[in-house]
Amino acid sequence: MRLLIKTFLAALLLAVIAFGGLWWWANQPLALRSSPLDFRIAAGSSLRSAITQMREAGVNVEPTLLSLLARANRADTAIKAGSYALNEGATPRQLLDKLLKGKVTQGELTLVEGWTFRQWRARLNGHPDLRHDALGWSEAEIIQQLGLSVSSLEGHLFPDTYLFDKQSSDLDLLARAYRAMQRKLDVEWSQRTAGLPYKSPEEALIMASIIEKETGREADRQLVAAVFINRLRLGMLLQTDPTVIYGLGERFDGNLRKRDLLSDTPYNTYTRLGLPPTPIAMPGQASLKAALNPAASDAVYFVARGDGSSEFSRTLDEHNRAVNKYQRGGK
């Protein structure tokens, strides 16, 4: 009996010593290849696989001890995938806490209202925190990979600031932006003013993109929308420069010339009636709202005043006077 008690006490002492040693180790700083050190745990990783990924990234952690620490905390199957960062002085206990609570690091990307898809791609391709799976792909290949039924991504991506797990795919971010635009457009379409001359939400999206490019002034958006909607109803040409510029593509050198206005393209609203075939930029929510809830106005002309605002007119005579006043310096 005494031998049994001594054996038990010896085993208990060894367990206490082992636990104390493990606790001491768990609170010692880890050796890191650099600080801060970024690493990523892939989705579906086991604890053993996660430890391997961390060691390969430069976290000099003892696999057996970290496994014991995780099991002691009943956490060996509860780690979360994602991107993480460790700073000098971080301990195994703090590392495990990050993995259990999913304290991932995030990248951030702002995609701007009024930008074209070409500008968005340049921003995506240059972002260091994204994985560039779509680099070098055509727009059609991206659309196919995302499983979308649109002919172009232009206008179909919602401008916003997106937070994402570092080294997420650029395709994932594009898919999020597409879904966001679909949600916004569906809401605005369901709340639209009755009697608008649109055959589909797509046409409203095209109009919203024109409004986005024509004015950045909140107070003018609904009036700009009213002008273009009135023109559609009356069978007038829209005659909006941003569509012509979009049709010129990379040929546009910053100077819109008379010959450009006379040169017919599918996007030249000086030569073709109705809306262009696709949006010409990524509209924000304010432009979506304006396109589907325009001001109650019978204006069919507007001209920039030179201070960011516009002068709206119902007749050509009024418009010509406004042009003379604000653009030609007349009295």
C-alpha atoms as a PDB file:
ATOM      1  CA  MET A   1       0.000   0.000   0.000  1.00  0.00           C
ATOM      2  CA  ARG A   2       2.822   2.354   0.897  1.00  0.00           C
ATOM      3  CA  LEU A   3       4.528   1.521  -2.396  1.00  0.00           C
ATOM      4  CA  LEU A   4       1.339   2.354  -4.275  1.00  0.00           C
ATOM      5  CA  ILE A   5       1.030   5.676  -2.488  1.00  0.00           C
ATOM      6  CA  LYS A   6       4.684   6.515  -3.173  1.00  0.00           C
ATOM      7  CA  THR A   7       4.252   5.629  -6.825  1.00  0.00           C
ATOM      8  CA  PHE A   8       1.148   7.784  -7.051  1.00  0.00           C
ATOM      9  CA  LEU A   9       2.864  10.713  -5.356  1.00  0.00           C
ATOM     10  CA  ALA A  10       5.889  10.354  -7.598  1.00  0.00           C
ATOM     11  CA  ALA A  11       3.682  10.319 -10.661  1.00  0.00           C
ATOM     12  CA  LEU A  12       1.772  13.340  -9.365  1.00  0.00           C
ATOM     13  CA  LEU A  13       5.041  15.191  -8.715  1.00  0.00           C
ATOM     14  CA  LEU A  14       6.256  14.419 -12.223  1.00  0.00           C
ATOM     15  CA  ALA A  15       2.917  15.622 -13.645  1.00  0.00           C
ATOM     16  CA  VAL A  16       3.153  18.853 -11.659  1.00  0.00           C
ATOM     17  CA  ILE A  17       6.723  19.371 -12.804  1.00  0.00           C
ATOM     18  CA  ALA A  18       5.759  18.610 -16.405  1.00  0.00           C
ATOM     19  CA  PHE A  19       2.755  20.918 -16.273  1.00  0.00           C
ATOM     20  CA  GLY A  20       4.844  23.621 -14.649  1.00  0.00           C
ATOM     21  CA  GLY A  21       7.476  23.214 -17.316  1.00  0.00           C
ATOM     22  CA  LEU A  22       4.859  23.372 -20.049  1.00  0.00           C
ATOM     23  CA  TRP A  23       3.330  26.522 -18.481  1.00  0.00           C
ATOM     24  CA  TRP A  24       6.774  28.111 -18.213  1.00  0.00           C
ATOM     25  CA  TRP A  25       7.511  27.311 -21.856  1.00  0.00           C
ATOM     26  CA  ALA A  26       4.098  28.607 -22.922  1.00  0.00           C
ATOM     27  CA  ASN A  27       4.959  32.041 -21.546  1.00  0.00           C
ATOM     28  CA  GLN A  28       8.427  32.386 -23.063  1.00  0.00           C
ATOM     29  CA  PRO A  29       8.945  34.522 -26.192  1.00  0.00           C
ATOM     30  CA  LEU A  30       8.969  32.626 -29.469  1.00  0.00           C
ATOM     31  CA  ALA A  31      11.894  32.907 -31.853  1.00  0.00           C
ATOM     32  CA  LEU A  32      10.655  34.554 -35.056  1.00  0.00           C
ATOM     33  CA  ARG A  33      12.417  34.826 -38.398  1.00  0.00           C
ATOM     34  CA  SER A  34      11.321  38.470 -38.597  1.00  0.00           C
ATOM     35  CA  SER A  35       9.007  40.866 -36.760  1.00  0.00           C
ATOM     36  CA  PRO A  36       6.243  41.344 -37.512  1.00  0.00           C
ATOM     37  CA  LEU A  37       5.967  37.900 -39.065  1.00  0.00           C
ATOM     38  CA  ASP A  38       2.979  37.028 -41.247  1.00  0.00           C
ATOM     39  CA  PHE A  39       1.780  33.491 -41.780  1.00  0.00           C
ATOM     40  CA  ARG A  40      -1.326  31.791 -43.071  1.00  0.00           C
ATOM     41  CA  ILE A  41      -3.206  28.699 -41.911  1.00  0.00           C
ATOM     42  CA  ALA A  42      -5.034  27.019 -44.784  1.00  0.00           C
ATOM     43  CA  ALA A  43      -8.677  26.069 -44.423  1.00  0.00           C
ATOM     44  CA  GLY A  44      -9.193  22.543 -43.115  1.00  0.00           C
ATOM     45  CA  SER A  45      -5.740  22.298 -41.529  1.00  0.00           C
ATOM     46  CA  SER A  46      -5.185  19.944 -38.610  1.00  0.00           C
ATOM     47  CA  LEU A  47      -3.129  21.141 -35.657  1.00  0.00           C
ATOM     48  CA  ARG A  48      -0.117  19.215 -36.947  1.00  0.00           C
ATOM     49  CA  SER A  49      -0.492  20.745 -40.410  1.00  0.00           C
ATOM     50  CA  ALA A  50      -0.936  24.230 -38.898  1.00  0.00           C
ATOM     51  CA  ILE A  51       2.279  23.825 -36.887  1.00  0.00           C
ATOM     52  CA  THR A  52       4.119  22.783 -40.047  1.00  0.00           C
ATOM     53  CA  GLN A  53       2.804  25.860 -41.906  1.00  0.00           C
ATOM     54  CA  MET A  54       3.866  28.163 -39.035  1.00  0.00           C
ATOM     55  CA  ARG A  55       7.358  26.659 -38.838  1.00  0.00           C
ATOM     56  CA  GLU A  56       7.809  27.001 -42.618  1.00  0.00           C
ATOM     57  CA  ALA A  57       6.783  30.668 -42.338  1.00  0.00           C
ATOM     58  CA  GLY A  58       9.431  31.293 -39.668  1.00  0.00           C
ATOM     59  CA  VAL A  59       7.753  30.656 -36.303  1.00  0.00           C
ATOM     60  CA  ASN A  60      10.263  28.560 -34.360  1.00  0.00           C
ATOM     61  CA  VAL A  61       7.756  26.710 -32.200  1.00  0.00           C
ATOM     62  CA  GLU A  62       8.299  23.252 -30.699  1.00  0.00           C
ATOM     63  CA  PRO A  63       5.631  21.002 -32.289  1.00  0.00           C
ATOM     64  CA  THR A  64       5.287  18.524 -29.429  1.00  0.00           C
ATOM     65  CA  LEU A  65       4.984  21.203 -26.750  1.00  0.00           C
ATOM     66  CA  LEU A  66       2.463  23.269 -28.719  1.00  0.00           C
ATOM     67  CA  SER A  67       0.417  20.125 -29.330  1.00  0.00           C
ATOM     68  CA  LEU A  68       0.470  19.362 -25.585  1.00  0.00           C
ATOM     69  CA  LEU A  69      -0.506  22.949 -24.769  1.00  0.00           C
ATOM     70  CA  ALA A  70      -3.406  22.780 -27.239  1.00  0.00           C
ATOM     71  CA  ARG A  71      -4.616  19.470 -25.817  1.00  0.00           C
ATOM     72  CA  ALA A  72      -4.293  20.795 -22.255  1.00  0.00           C
ATOM     73  CA  ASN A  73      -6.650  23.581 -23.334  1.00  0.00           C
ATOM     74  CA  ARG A  74      -8.881  21.124 -25.218  1.00  0.00           C
ATOM     75  CA  ALA A  75      -8.177  23.180 -28.298  1.00  0.00           C
ATOM     76  CA  ASP A  76      -6.312  20.817 -30.603  1.00  0.00           C
ATOM     77  CA  THR A  77      -9.272  20.675 -33.044  1.00  0.00           C
ATOM     78  CA  ALA A  78     -10.528  24.260 -32.656  1.00  0.00           C
ATOM     79  CA  ILE A  79      -7.939  26.320 -34.551  1.00  0.00           C
ATOM     80  CA  LYS A  80      -9.238  28.698 -37.201  1.00  0.00           C
ATOM     81  CA  ALA A  81      -7.888  29.219 -40.704  1.00  0.00           C
ATOM     82  CA  GLY A  82      -6.750  32.635 -41.887  1.00  0.00           C
ATOM     83  CA  SER A  83      -3.858  35.070 -42.029  1.00  0.00           C
ATOM     84  CA  TYR A  84      -2.063  35.956 -38.827  1.00  0.00           C
ATOM     85  CA  ALA A  85       0.734  38.221 -37.658  1.00  0.00           C
ATOM     86  CA  LEU A  86       3.122  37.775 -34.720  1.00  0.00           C
ATOM     87  CA  ASN A  87       5.341  40.439 -33.218  1.00  0.00           C
ATOM     88  CA  GLU A  88       8.585  40.035 -31.309  1.00  0.00           C
ATOM     89  CA  GLY A  89       7.898  38.886 -27.756  1.00  0.00           C
ATOM     90  CA  ALA A  90       4.836  36.809 -28.629  1.00  0.00           C
ATOM     91  CA  THR A  91       4.557  33.612 -26.593  1.00  0.00           C
ATOM     92  CA  PRO A  92       3.184  30.154 -27.477  1.00  0.00           C
ATOM     93  CA  ARG A  93       0.194  30.864 -25.235  1.00  0.00           C
ATOM     94  CA  GLN A  94      -0.553  34.081 -27.151  1.00  0.00           C
ATOM     95  CA  LEU A  95      -0.052  32.262 -30.446  1.00  0.00           C
ATOM     96  CA  LEU A  96      -2.538  29.572 -29.455  1.00  0.00           C
ATOM     97  CA  ASP A  97      -4.999  32.237 -28.305  1.00  0.00           C
ATOM     98  CA  LYS A  98      -4.829  33.863 -31.749  1.00  0.00           C
ATOM     99  CA  LEU A  99      -5.453  30.552 -33.475  1.00  0.00           C
ATOM    100  CA  LEU A 100      -8.397  29.688 -31.238  1.00  0.00           C
ATOM    101  CA  LYS A 101     -10.105  33.079 -31.466  1.00  0.00           C
ATOM    102  CA  GLY A 102      -9.372  33.593 -35.148  1.00  0.00           C
ATOM    103  CA  LYS A 103      -7.553  36.890 -34.570  1.00  0.00           C
ATOM    104  CA  VAL A 104      -6.623  37.154 -38.213  1.00  0.00           C
ATOM    105  CA  THR A 105      -4.931  40.071 -39.893  1.00  0.00           C
ATOM    106  CA  GLN A 106      -6.868  41.752 -42.666  1.00  0.00           C
ATOM    107  CA  GLY A 107      -6.021  43.566 -45.833  1.00  0.00           C
ATOM    108  CA  GLU A 108      -7.986  46.590 -46.967  1.00  0.00           C
ATOM    109  CA  LEU A 109      -8.835  47.791 -50.456  1.00  0.00           C
ATOM    110  CA  THR A 110     -10.929  50.801 -51.474  1.00  0.00           C
ATOM    111  CA  LEU A 111     -12.543  50.584 -54.903  1.00  0.00           C
ATOM    112  CA  VAL A 112     -13.687  54.017 -55.995  1.00  0.00           C
ATOM    113  CA  GLU A 113     -17.034  55.200 -57.366  1.00  0.00           C
ATOM    114  CA  GLY A 114     -16.807  56.182 -61.009  1.00  0.00           C
ATOM    115  CA  TRP A 115     -13.788  54.024 -61.764  1.00  0.00           C
ATOM    116  CA  THR A 116     -13.876  51.678 -64.735  1.00  0.00           C
ATOM    117  CA  PHE A 117     -13.167  47.959 -64.548  1.00  0.00           C
ATOM    118  CA  ARG A 118      -9.769  48.628 -66.121  1.00  0.00           C
ATOM    119  CA  GLN A 119      -8.898  50.944 -63.226  1.00  0.00           C
ATOM    120  CA  TRP A 120     -10.207  48.419 -60.694  1.00  0.00           C
ATOM    121  CA  ARG A 121      -8.031  45.677 -62.188  1.00  0.00           C
ATOM    122  CA  ALA A 122      -4.950  47.863 -61.944  1.00  0.00           C
ATOM    123  CA  ARG A 123      -5.692  48.477 -58.246  1.00  0.00           C
ATOM    124  CA  LEU A 124      -6.311  44.765 -57.623  1.00  0.00           C
ATOM    125  CA  ASN A 125      -3.202  43.681 -59.488  1.00  0.00           C
ATOM    126  CA  GLY A 126      -1.038  46.084 -57.494  1.00  0.00           C
ATOM    127  CA  HIS A 127      -2.323  45.162 -54.034  1.00  0.00           C
ATOM    128  CA  PRO A 128       0.335  43.286 -52.029  1.00  0.00           C
ATOM    129  CA  ASP A 129      -2.133  41.528 -49.700  1.00  0.00           C
ATOM    130  CA  LEU A 130      -4.141  39.781 -52.423  1.00  0.00           C
ATOM    131  CA  ARG A 131      -3.372  36.521 -54.182  1.00  0.00           C
ATOM    132  CA  HIS A 132      -3.461  37.356 -57.879  1.00  0.00           C
ATOM    133  CA  ASP A 133      -5.208  34.325 -59.358  1.00  0.00           C
ATOM    134  CA  ALA A 134      -6.743  36.346 -62.216  1.00  0.00           C
ATOM    135  CA  LEU A 135      -3.524  38.086 -63.246  1.00  0.00           C
ATOM    136  CA  GLY A 136      -3.257  37.991 -67.020  1.00  0.00           C
ATOM    137  CA  TRP A 137      -6.766  36.642 -67.530  1.00  0.00           C
ATOM    138  CA  SER A 138      -9.181  38.295 -69.929  1.00  0.00           C
ATOM    139  CA  GLU A 139     -12.384  39.795 -68.598  1.00  0.00           C
ATOM    140  CA  ALA A 140     -14.318  36.976 -70.274  1.00  0.00           C
ATOM    141  CA  GLU A 141     -12.187  34.383 -68.457  1.00  0.00           C
ATOM    142  CA  ILE A 142     -12.835  36.095 -65.123  1.00  0.00           C
ATOM    143  CA  ILE A 143     -16.587  36.147 -65.780  1.00  0.00           C
ATOM    144  CA  GLN A 144     -16.512  32.452 -66.672  1.00  0.00           C
ATOM    145  CA  GLN A 145     -14.495  31.559 -63.573  1.00  0.00           C
ATOM    146  CA  LEU A 146     -16.957  33.469 -61.360  1.00  0.00           C
ATOM    147  CA  GLY A 147     -19.860  31.673 -63.015  1.00  0.00           C
ATOM    148  CA  LEU A 148     -21.669  34.884 -63.973  1.00  0.00           C
ATOM    149  CA  SER A 149     -24.133  35.424 -66.817  1.00  0.00           C
ATOM    150  CA  VAL A 150     -23.090  38.967 -67.758  1.00  0.00           C
ATOM    151  CA  SER A 151     -21.241  40.079 -70.867  1.00  0.00           C
ATOM    152  CA  SER A 152     -19.103  42.611 -68.992  1.00  0.00           C
ATOM    153  CA  LEU A 153     -18.146  43.353 -65.387  1.00  0.00           C
ATOM    154  CA  GLU A 154     -18.310  47.078 -66.074  1.00  0.00           C
ATOM    155  CA  GLY A 155     -20.796  48.649 -63.678  1.00  0.00           C
ATOM    156  CA  HIS A 156     -21.515  45.356 -61.924  1.00  0.00           C
ATOM    157  CA  LEU A 157     -19.057  45.759 -59.028  1.00  0.00           C
ATOM    158  CA  PHE A 158     -20.046  47.858 -56.032  1.00  0.00           C
ATOM    159  CA  PRO A 159     -17.570  50.594 -55.003  1.00  0.00           C
ATOM    160  CA  ASP A 160     -16.674  50.242 -51.337  1.00  0.00           C
ATOM    161  CA  THR A 161     -13.836  49.627 -48.890  1.00  0.00           C
ATOM    162  CA  TYR A 162     -13.364  45.880 -48.621  1.00  0.00           C
ATOM    163  CA  LEU A 163     -11.643  44.093 -45.746  1.00  0.00           C
ATOM    164  CA  PHE A 164     -10.286  40.659 -46.521  1.00  0.00           C
ATOM    165  CA  ASP A 165      -8.128  37.905 -45.121  1.00  0.00           C
ATOM    166  CA  LYS A 166      -4.579  38.501 -46.381  1.00  0.00           C
ATOM    167  CA  GLN A 167      -3.667  36.404 -49.404  1.00  0.00           C
ATOM    168  CA  SER A 168      -7.309  35.920 -50.301  1.00  0.00           C
ATOM    169  CA  SER A 169      -7.903  35.506 -54.009  1.00  0.00           C
ATOM    170  CA  ASP A 170      -8.631  38.551 -56.131  1.00  0.00           C
ATOM    171  CA  LEU A 171     -11.469  36.459 -57.566  1.00  0.00           C
ATOM    172  CA  ASP A 172     -13.069  36.235 -54.126  1.00  0.00           C
ATOM    173  CA  LEU A 173     -13.021  40.013 -53.786  1.00  0.00           C
ATOM    174  CA  LEU A 174     -14.506  40.489 -57.261  1.00  0.00           C
ATOM    175  CA  ALA A 175     -17.257  38.006 -56.387  1.00  0.00           C
ATOM    176  CA  ARG A 176     -18.025  39.934 -53.181  1.00  0.00           C
ATOM    177  CA  ALA A 177     -18.185  43.229 -55.083  1.00  0.00           C
ATOM    178  CA  TYR A 178     -20.502  41.673 -57.670  1.00  0.00           C
ATOM    179  CA  ARG A 179     -22.858  40.284 -55.018  1.00  0.00           C
ATOM    180  CA  ALA A 180     -22.864  43.642 -53.227  1.00  0.00           C
ATOM    181  CA  MET A 181     -23.908  45.456 -56.407  1.00  0.00           C
ATOM    182  CA  GLN A 182     -26.644  42.910 -57.089  1.00  0.00           C
ATOM    183  CA  ARG A 183     -28.059  43.414 -53.588  1.00  0.00           C
ATOM    184  CA  LYS A 184     -27.960  47.220 -53.876  1.00  0.00           C
ATOM    185  CA  LEU A 185     -29.518  47.205 -57.353  1.00  0.00           C
ATOM    186  CA  ASP A 186     -32.274  44.783 -56.318  1.00  0.00           C
ATOM    187  CA  VAL A 187     -33.231  47.013 -53.365  1.00  0.00           C
ATOM    188  CA  GLU A 188     -33.265  50.214 -55.413  1.00  0.00           C
ATOM    189  CA  TRP A 189     -35.157  48.558 -58.272  1.00  0.00           C
ATOM    190  CA  SER A 190     -37.848  47.367 -55.859  1.00  0.00           C
ATOM    191  CA  GLN A 191     -38.268  50.940 -54.603  1.00  0.00           C
ATOM    192  CA  ARG A 192     -38.153  52.695 -57.999  1.00  0.00           C
ATOM    193  CA  THR A 193     -40.461  55.482 -59.111  1.00  0.00           C
ATOM    194  CA  ALA A 194     -43.307  54.234 -61.277  1.00  0.00           C
ATOM    195  CA  GLY A 195     -43.250  54.793 -65.035  1.00  0.00           C
ATOM    196  CA  LEU A 196     -39.496  54.959 -65.617  1.00  0.00           C
ATOM    197  CA  PRO A 197     -38.393  54.165 -69.200  1.00  0.00           C
ATOM    198  CA  TYR A 198     -36.235  51.174 -68.243  1.00  0.00           C
ATOM    199  CA  LYS A 199     -36.896  47.673 -69.535  1.00  0.00           C
ATOM    200  CA  SER A 200     -34.682  46.022 -66.910  1.00  0.00           C
ATOM    201  CA  PRO A 201     -32.483  46.673 -63.872  1.00  0.00           C
ATOM    202  CA  GLU A 202     -29.512  46.496 -66.256  1.00  0.00           C
ATOM    203  CA  GLU A 203     -30.715  49.631 -68.052  1.00  0.00           C
ATOM    204  CA  ALA A 204     -31.057  51.402 -64.711  1.00  0.00           C
ATOM    205  CA  LEU A 205     -27.487  50.367 -63.900  1.00  0.00           C
ATOM    206  CA  ILE A 206     -26.290  51.832 -67.206  1.00  0.00           C
ATOM    207  CA  MET A 207     -28.063  55.100 -66.409  1.00  0.00           C
ATOM    208  CA  ALA A 208     -26.582  55.140 -62.900  1.00  0.00           C
ATOM    209  CA  SER A 209     -23.085  54.821 -64.370  1.00  0.00           C
ATOM    210  CA  ILE A 210     -23.699  57.841 -66.619  1.00  0.00           C
ATOM    211  CA  ILE A 211     -24.979  59.876 -63.664  1.00  0.00           C
ATOM    212  CA  GLU A 212     -21.894  58.831 -61.674  1.00  0.00           C
ATOM    213  CA  LYS A 213     -19.593  60.198 -64.381  1.00  0.00           C
ATOM    214  CA  GLU A 214     -21.621  63.347 -65.049  1.00  0.00           C
ATOM    215  CA  THR A 215     -21.655  64.743 -61.517  1.00  0.00           C
ATOM    216  CA  GLY A 216     -20.013  64.230 -58.170  1.00  0.00           C
ATOM    217  CA  ARG A 217     -22.323  66.752 -56.524  1.00  0.00           C
ATOM    218  CA  GLU A 218     -24.942  65.072 -54.371  1.00  0.00           C
ATOM    219  CA  ALA A 219     -27.514  67.839 -54.796  1.00  0.00           C
ATOM    220  CA  ASP A 220     -27.451  67.522 -58.606  1.00  0.00           C
ATOM    221  CA  ARG A 221     -27.669  63.754 -59.040  1.00  0.00           C
ATOM    222  CA  GLN A 222     -31.464  63.465 -59.156  1.00  0.00           C
ATOM    223  CA  LEU A 223     -31.751  66.430 -61.514  1.00  0.00           C
ATOM    224  CA  VAL A 224     -29.094  64.987 -63.834  1.00  0.00           C
ATOM    225  CA  ALA A 225     -31.063  61.734 -63.753  1.00  0.00           C
ATOM    226  CA  ALA A 226     -34.240  63.636 -64.609  1.00  0.00           C
ATOM    227  CA  VAL A 227     -32.604  65.260 -67.647  1.00  0.00           C
ATOM    228  CA  PHE A 228     -31.460  61.942 -69.136  1.00  0.00           C
ATOM    229  CA  ILE A 229     -34.713  60.163 -68.319  1.00  0.00           C
ATOM    230  CA  ASN A 230     -36.702  62.993 -69.915  1.00  0.00           C
ATOM    231  CA  ARG A 231     -34.506  62.704 -72.999  1.00  0.00           C
ATOM    232  CA  LEU A 232     -35.163  58.969 -73.205  1.00  0.00           C
ATOM    233  CA  ARG A 233     -38.915  59.563 -72.940  1.00  0.00           C
ATOM    234  CA  LEU A 234     -38.836  62.246 -75.643  1.00  0.00           C
ATOM    235  CA  GLY A 235     -36.659  60.217 -78.016  1.00  0.00           C
ATOM    236  CA  MET A 236     -33.824  62.758 -77.777  1.00  0.00           C
ATOM    237  CA  LEU A 237     -30.158  61.882 -78.002  1.00  0.00           C
ATOM    238  CA  LEU A 238     -28.553  61.702 -74.560  1.00  0.00           C
ATOM    239  CA  GLN A 239     -25.465  63.592 -75.797  1.00  0.00           C
ATOM    240  CA  THR A 240     -23.264  62.872 -72.801  1.00  0.00           C
ATOM    241  CA  ASP A 241     -19.489  63.172 -73.145  1.00  0.00           C
ATOM    242  CA  PRO A 242     -18.516  60.394 -70.665  1.00  0.00           C
ATOM    243  CA  THR A 243     -20.078  57.723 -72.895  1.00  0.00           C
ATOM    244  CA  VAL A 244     -18.092  58.975 -75.878  1.00  0.00           C
ATOM    245  CA  ILE A 245     -14.901  58.951 -73.818  1.00  0.00           C
ATOM    246  CA  TYR A 246     -15.615  55.388 -72.679  1.00  0.00           C
ATOM    247  CA  GLY A 247     -16.098  54.312 -76.283  1.00  0.00           C
ATOM    248  CA  LEU A 248     -12.717  55.767 -77.216  1.00  0.00           C
ATOM    249  CA  GLY A 249     -11.035  53.586 -74.603  1.00  0.00           C
ATOM    250  CA  GLU A 250      -7.261  53.905 -74.469  1.00  0.00           C
ATOM    251  CA  ARG A 251      -7.344  56.206 -77.494  1.00  0.00           C
ATOM    252  CA  PHE A 252      -8.685  59.003 -75.292  1.00  0.00           C
ATOM    253  CA  ASP A 253      -5.784  61.336 -74.481  1.00  0.00           C
ATOM    254  CA  GLY A 254      -7.636  63.620 -72.065  1.00  0.00           C
ATOM    255  CA  ASN A 255      -8.885  66.002 -74.754  1.00  0.00           C
ATOM    256  CA  LEU A 256     -12.330  65.343 -76.253  1.00  0.00           C
ATOM    257  CA  ARG A 257     -12.449  66.769 -79.781  1.00  0.00           C
ATOM    258  CA  LYS A 258     -15.302  67.555 -82.156  1.00  0.00           C
ATOM    259  CA  ARG A 259     -14.241  64.683 -84.403  1.00  0.00           C
ATOM    260  CA  ASP A 260     -14.662  62.337 -81.433  1.00  0.00           C
ATOM    261  CA  LEU A 261     -18.258  63.490 -80.983  1.00  0.00           C
ATOM    262  CA  LEU A 262     -18.925  62.834 -84.669  1.00  0.00           C
ATOM    263  CA  SER A 263     -17.164  59.451 -84.788  1.00  0.00           C
ATOM    264  CA  ASP A 264     -19.787  56.740 -84.375  1.00  0.00           C
ATOM    265  CA  THR A 265     -19.253  53.992 -81.795  1.00  0.00           C
ATOM    266  CA  PRO A 266     -21.778  51.945 -79.798  1.00  0.00           C
ATOM    267  CA  TYR A 267     -21.089  54.340 -76.912  1.00  0.00           C
ATOM    268  CA  ASN A 268     -21.447  57.610 -78.819  1.00  0.00           C
ATOM    269  CA  THR A 269     -24.691  59.088 -77.493  1.00  0.00           C
ATOM    270  CA  TYR A 270     -24.314  62.017 -79.914  1.00  0.00           C
ATOM    271  CA  THR A 271     -24.807  59.656 -82.867  1.00  0.00           C
ATOM    272  CA  ARG A 272     -26.981  56.895 -81.362  1.00  0.00           C
ATOM    273  CA  LEU A 273     -30.344  57.059 -79.616  1.00  0.00           C
ATOM    274  CA  GLY A 274     -30.912  55.497 -76.232  1.00  0.00           C
ATOM    275  CA  LEU A 275     -28.570  54.095 -73.657  1.00  0.00           C
ATOM    276  CA  PRO A 276     -25.135  52.684 -74.482  1.00  0.00           C
ATOM    277  CA  PRO A 277     -24.832  48.867 -74.502  1.00  0.00           C
ATOM    278  CA  THR A 278     -23.175  48.553 -71.080  1.00  0.00           C
ATOM    279  CA  PRO A 279     -22.451  50.687 -68.046  1.00  0.00           C
ATOM    280  CA  ILE A 280     -19.449  52.977 -68.444  1.00  0.00           C
ATOM    281  CA  ALA A 281     -18.193  52.916 -64.834  1.00  0.00           C
ATOM    282  CA  MET A 282     -18.956  51.559 -61.370  1.00  0.00           C
ATOM    283  CA  PRO A 283     -21.795  53.653 -59.881  1.00  0.00           C
ATOM    284  CA  GLY A 284     -22.198  54.189 -56.153  1.00  0.00           C
ATOM    285  CA  GLN A 285     -25.447  53.846 -54.261  1.00  0.00           C
ATOM    286  CA  ALA A 286     -26.329  57.549 -54.575  1.00  0.00           C
ATOM    287  CA  SER A 287     -26.279  57.258 -58.364  1.00  0.00           C
ATOM    288  CA  LEU A 288     -28.339  54.070 -58.250  1.00  0.00           C
ATOM    289  CA  LYS A 289     -30.921  55.890 -56.138  1.00  0.00           C
ATOM    290  CA  ALA A 290     -30.950  58.865 -58.515  1.00  0.00           C
ATOM    291  CA  ALA A 291     -31.380  56.685 -61.606  1.00  0.00           C
ATOM    292  CA  LEU A 292     -34.405  54.976 -60.047  1.00  0.00           C
ATOM    293  CA  ASN A 293     -35.827  57.972 -58.190  1.00  0.00           C
ATOM    294  CA  PRO A 294     -35.121  61.052 -60.324  1.00  0.00           C
ATOM    295  CA  ALA A 295     -36.203  64.558 -59.418  1.00  0.00           C
ATOM    296  CA  ALA A 296     -39.628  65.736 -60.554  1.00  0.00           C
ATOM    297  CA  SER A 297     -38.396  68.056 -63.305  1.00  0.00           C
ATOM    298  CA  ASP A 298     -39.031  68.660 -66.994  1.00  0.00           C
ATOM    299  CA  ALA A 299     -35.469  69.877 -67.649  1.00  0.00           C
ATOM    300  CA  VAL A 300     -33.779  68.374 -70.701  1.00  0.00           C
ATOM    301  CA  TYR A 301     -30.501  70.323 -70.635  1.00  0.00           C
ATOM    302  CA  PHE A 302     -27.786  71.131 -68.134  1.00  0.00           C
ATOM    303  CA  VAL A 303     -24.435  72.856 -68.213  1.00  0.00           C
ATOM    304  CA  ALA A 304     -21.623  73.044 -65.676  1.00  0.00           C
ATOM    305  CA  ARG A 305     -21.405  76.347 -63.812  1.00  0.00           C
ATOM    306  CA  GLY A 306     -17.694  75.926 -63.140  1.00  0.00           C
ATOM    307  CA  ASP A 307     -18.009  75.443 -59.387  1.00  0.00           C
ATOM    308  CA  GLY A 308     -19.002  71.784 -59.468  1.00  0.00           C
ATOM    309  CA  SER A 309     -22.711  72.505 -59.762  1.00  0.00           C
ATOM    310  CA  SER A 310     -24.902  72.611 -62.876  1.00  0.00           C
ATOM    311  CA  GLU A 311     -27.534  74.886 -64.411  1.00  0.00           C
ATOM    312  CA  PHE A 312     -30.653  73.038 -65.597  1.00  0.00           C
ATOM    313  CA  SER A 313     -32.898  74.225 -68.415  1.00  0.00           C
ATOM    314  CA  ARG A 314     -36.222  73.225 -69.953  1.00  0.00           C
ATOM    315  CA  THR A 315     -35.736  74.798 -73.394  1.00  0.00           C
ATOM    316  CA  LEU A 316     -32.898  75.168 -75.870  1.00  0.00           C
ATOM    317  CA  ASP A 317     -33.040  78.968 -75.581  1.00  0.00           C
ATOM    318  CA  GLU A 318     -32.607  78.753 -71.787  1.00  0.00           C
ATOM    319  CA  HIS A 319     -29.774  76.300 -72.265  1.00  0.00           C
ATOM    320  CA  ASN A 320     -27.983  78.477 -74.812  1.00  0.00           C
ATOM    321  CA  ARG A 321     -28.156  81.429 -72.432  1.00  0.00           C
ATOM    322  CA  ALA A 322     -26.744  79.278 -69.646  1.00  0.00           C
ATOM    323  CA  VAL A 323     -23.911  78.046 -71.895  1.00  0.00           C
ATOM    324  CA  ASN A 324     -23.117  81.623 -72.880  1.00  0.00           C
ATOM    325  CA  LYS A 325     -23.097  82.709 -69.230  1.00  0.00           C
ATOM    326  CA  TYR A 326     -21.147  79.875 -67.647  1.00  0.00           C
ATOM    327  CA  GLN A 327     -18.918  78.575 -70.432  1.00  0.00           C
ATOM    328  CA  ARG A 328     -18.350  81.507 -72.781  1.00  0.00           C
ATOM    329  CA  GLY A 329     -18.147  84.259 -70.205  1.00  0.00           C
ATOM    330  CA  GLY A 330     -21.234  86.082 -71.477  1.00  0.00           C
ATOM    331  CA  LYS A 331     -23.489  88.287 -69.345  1.00  0.00           C
END
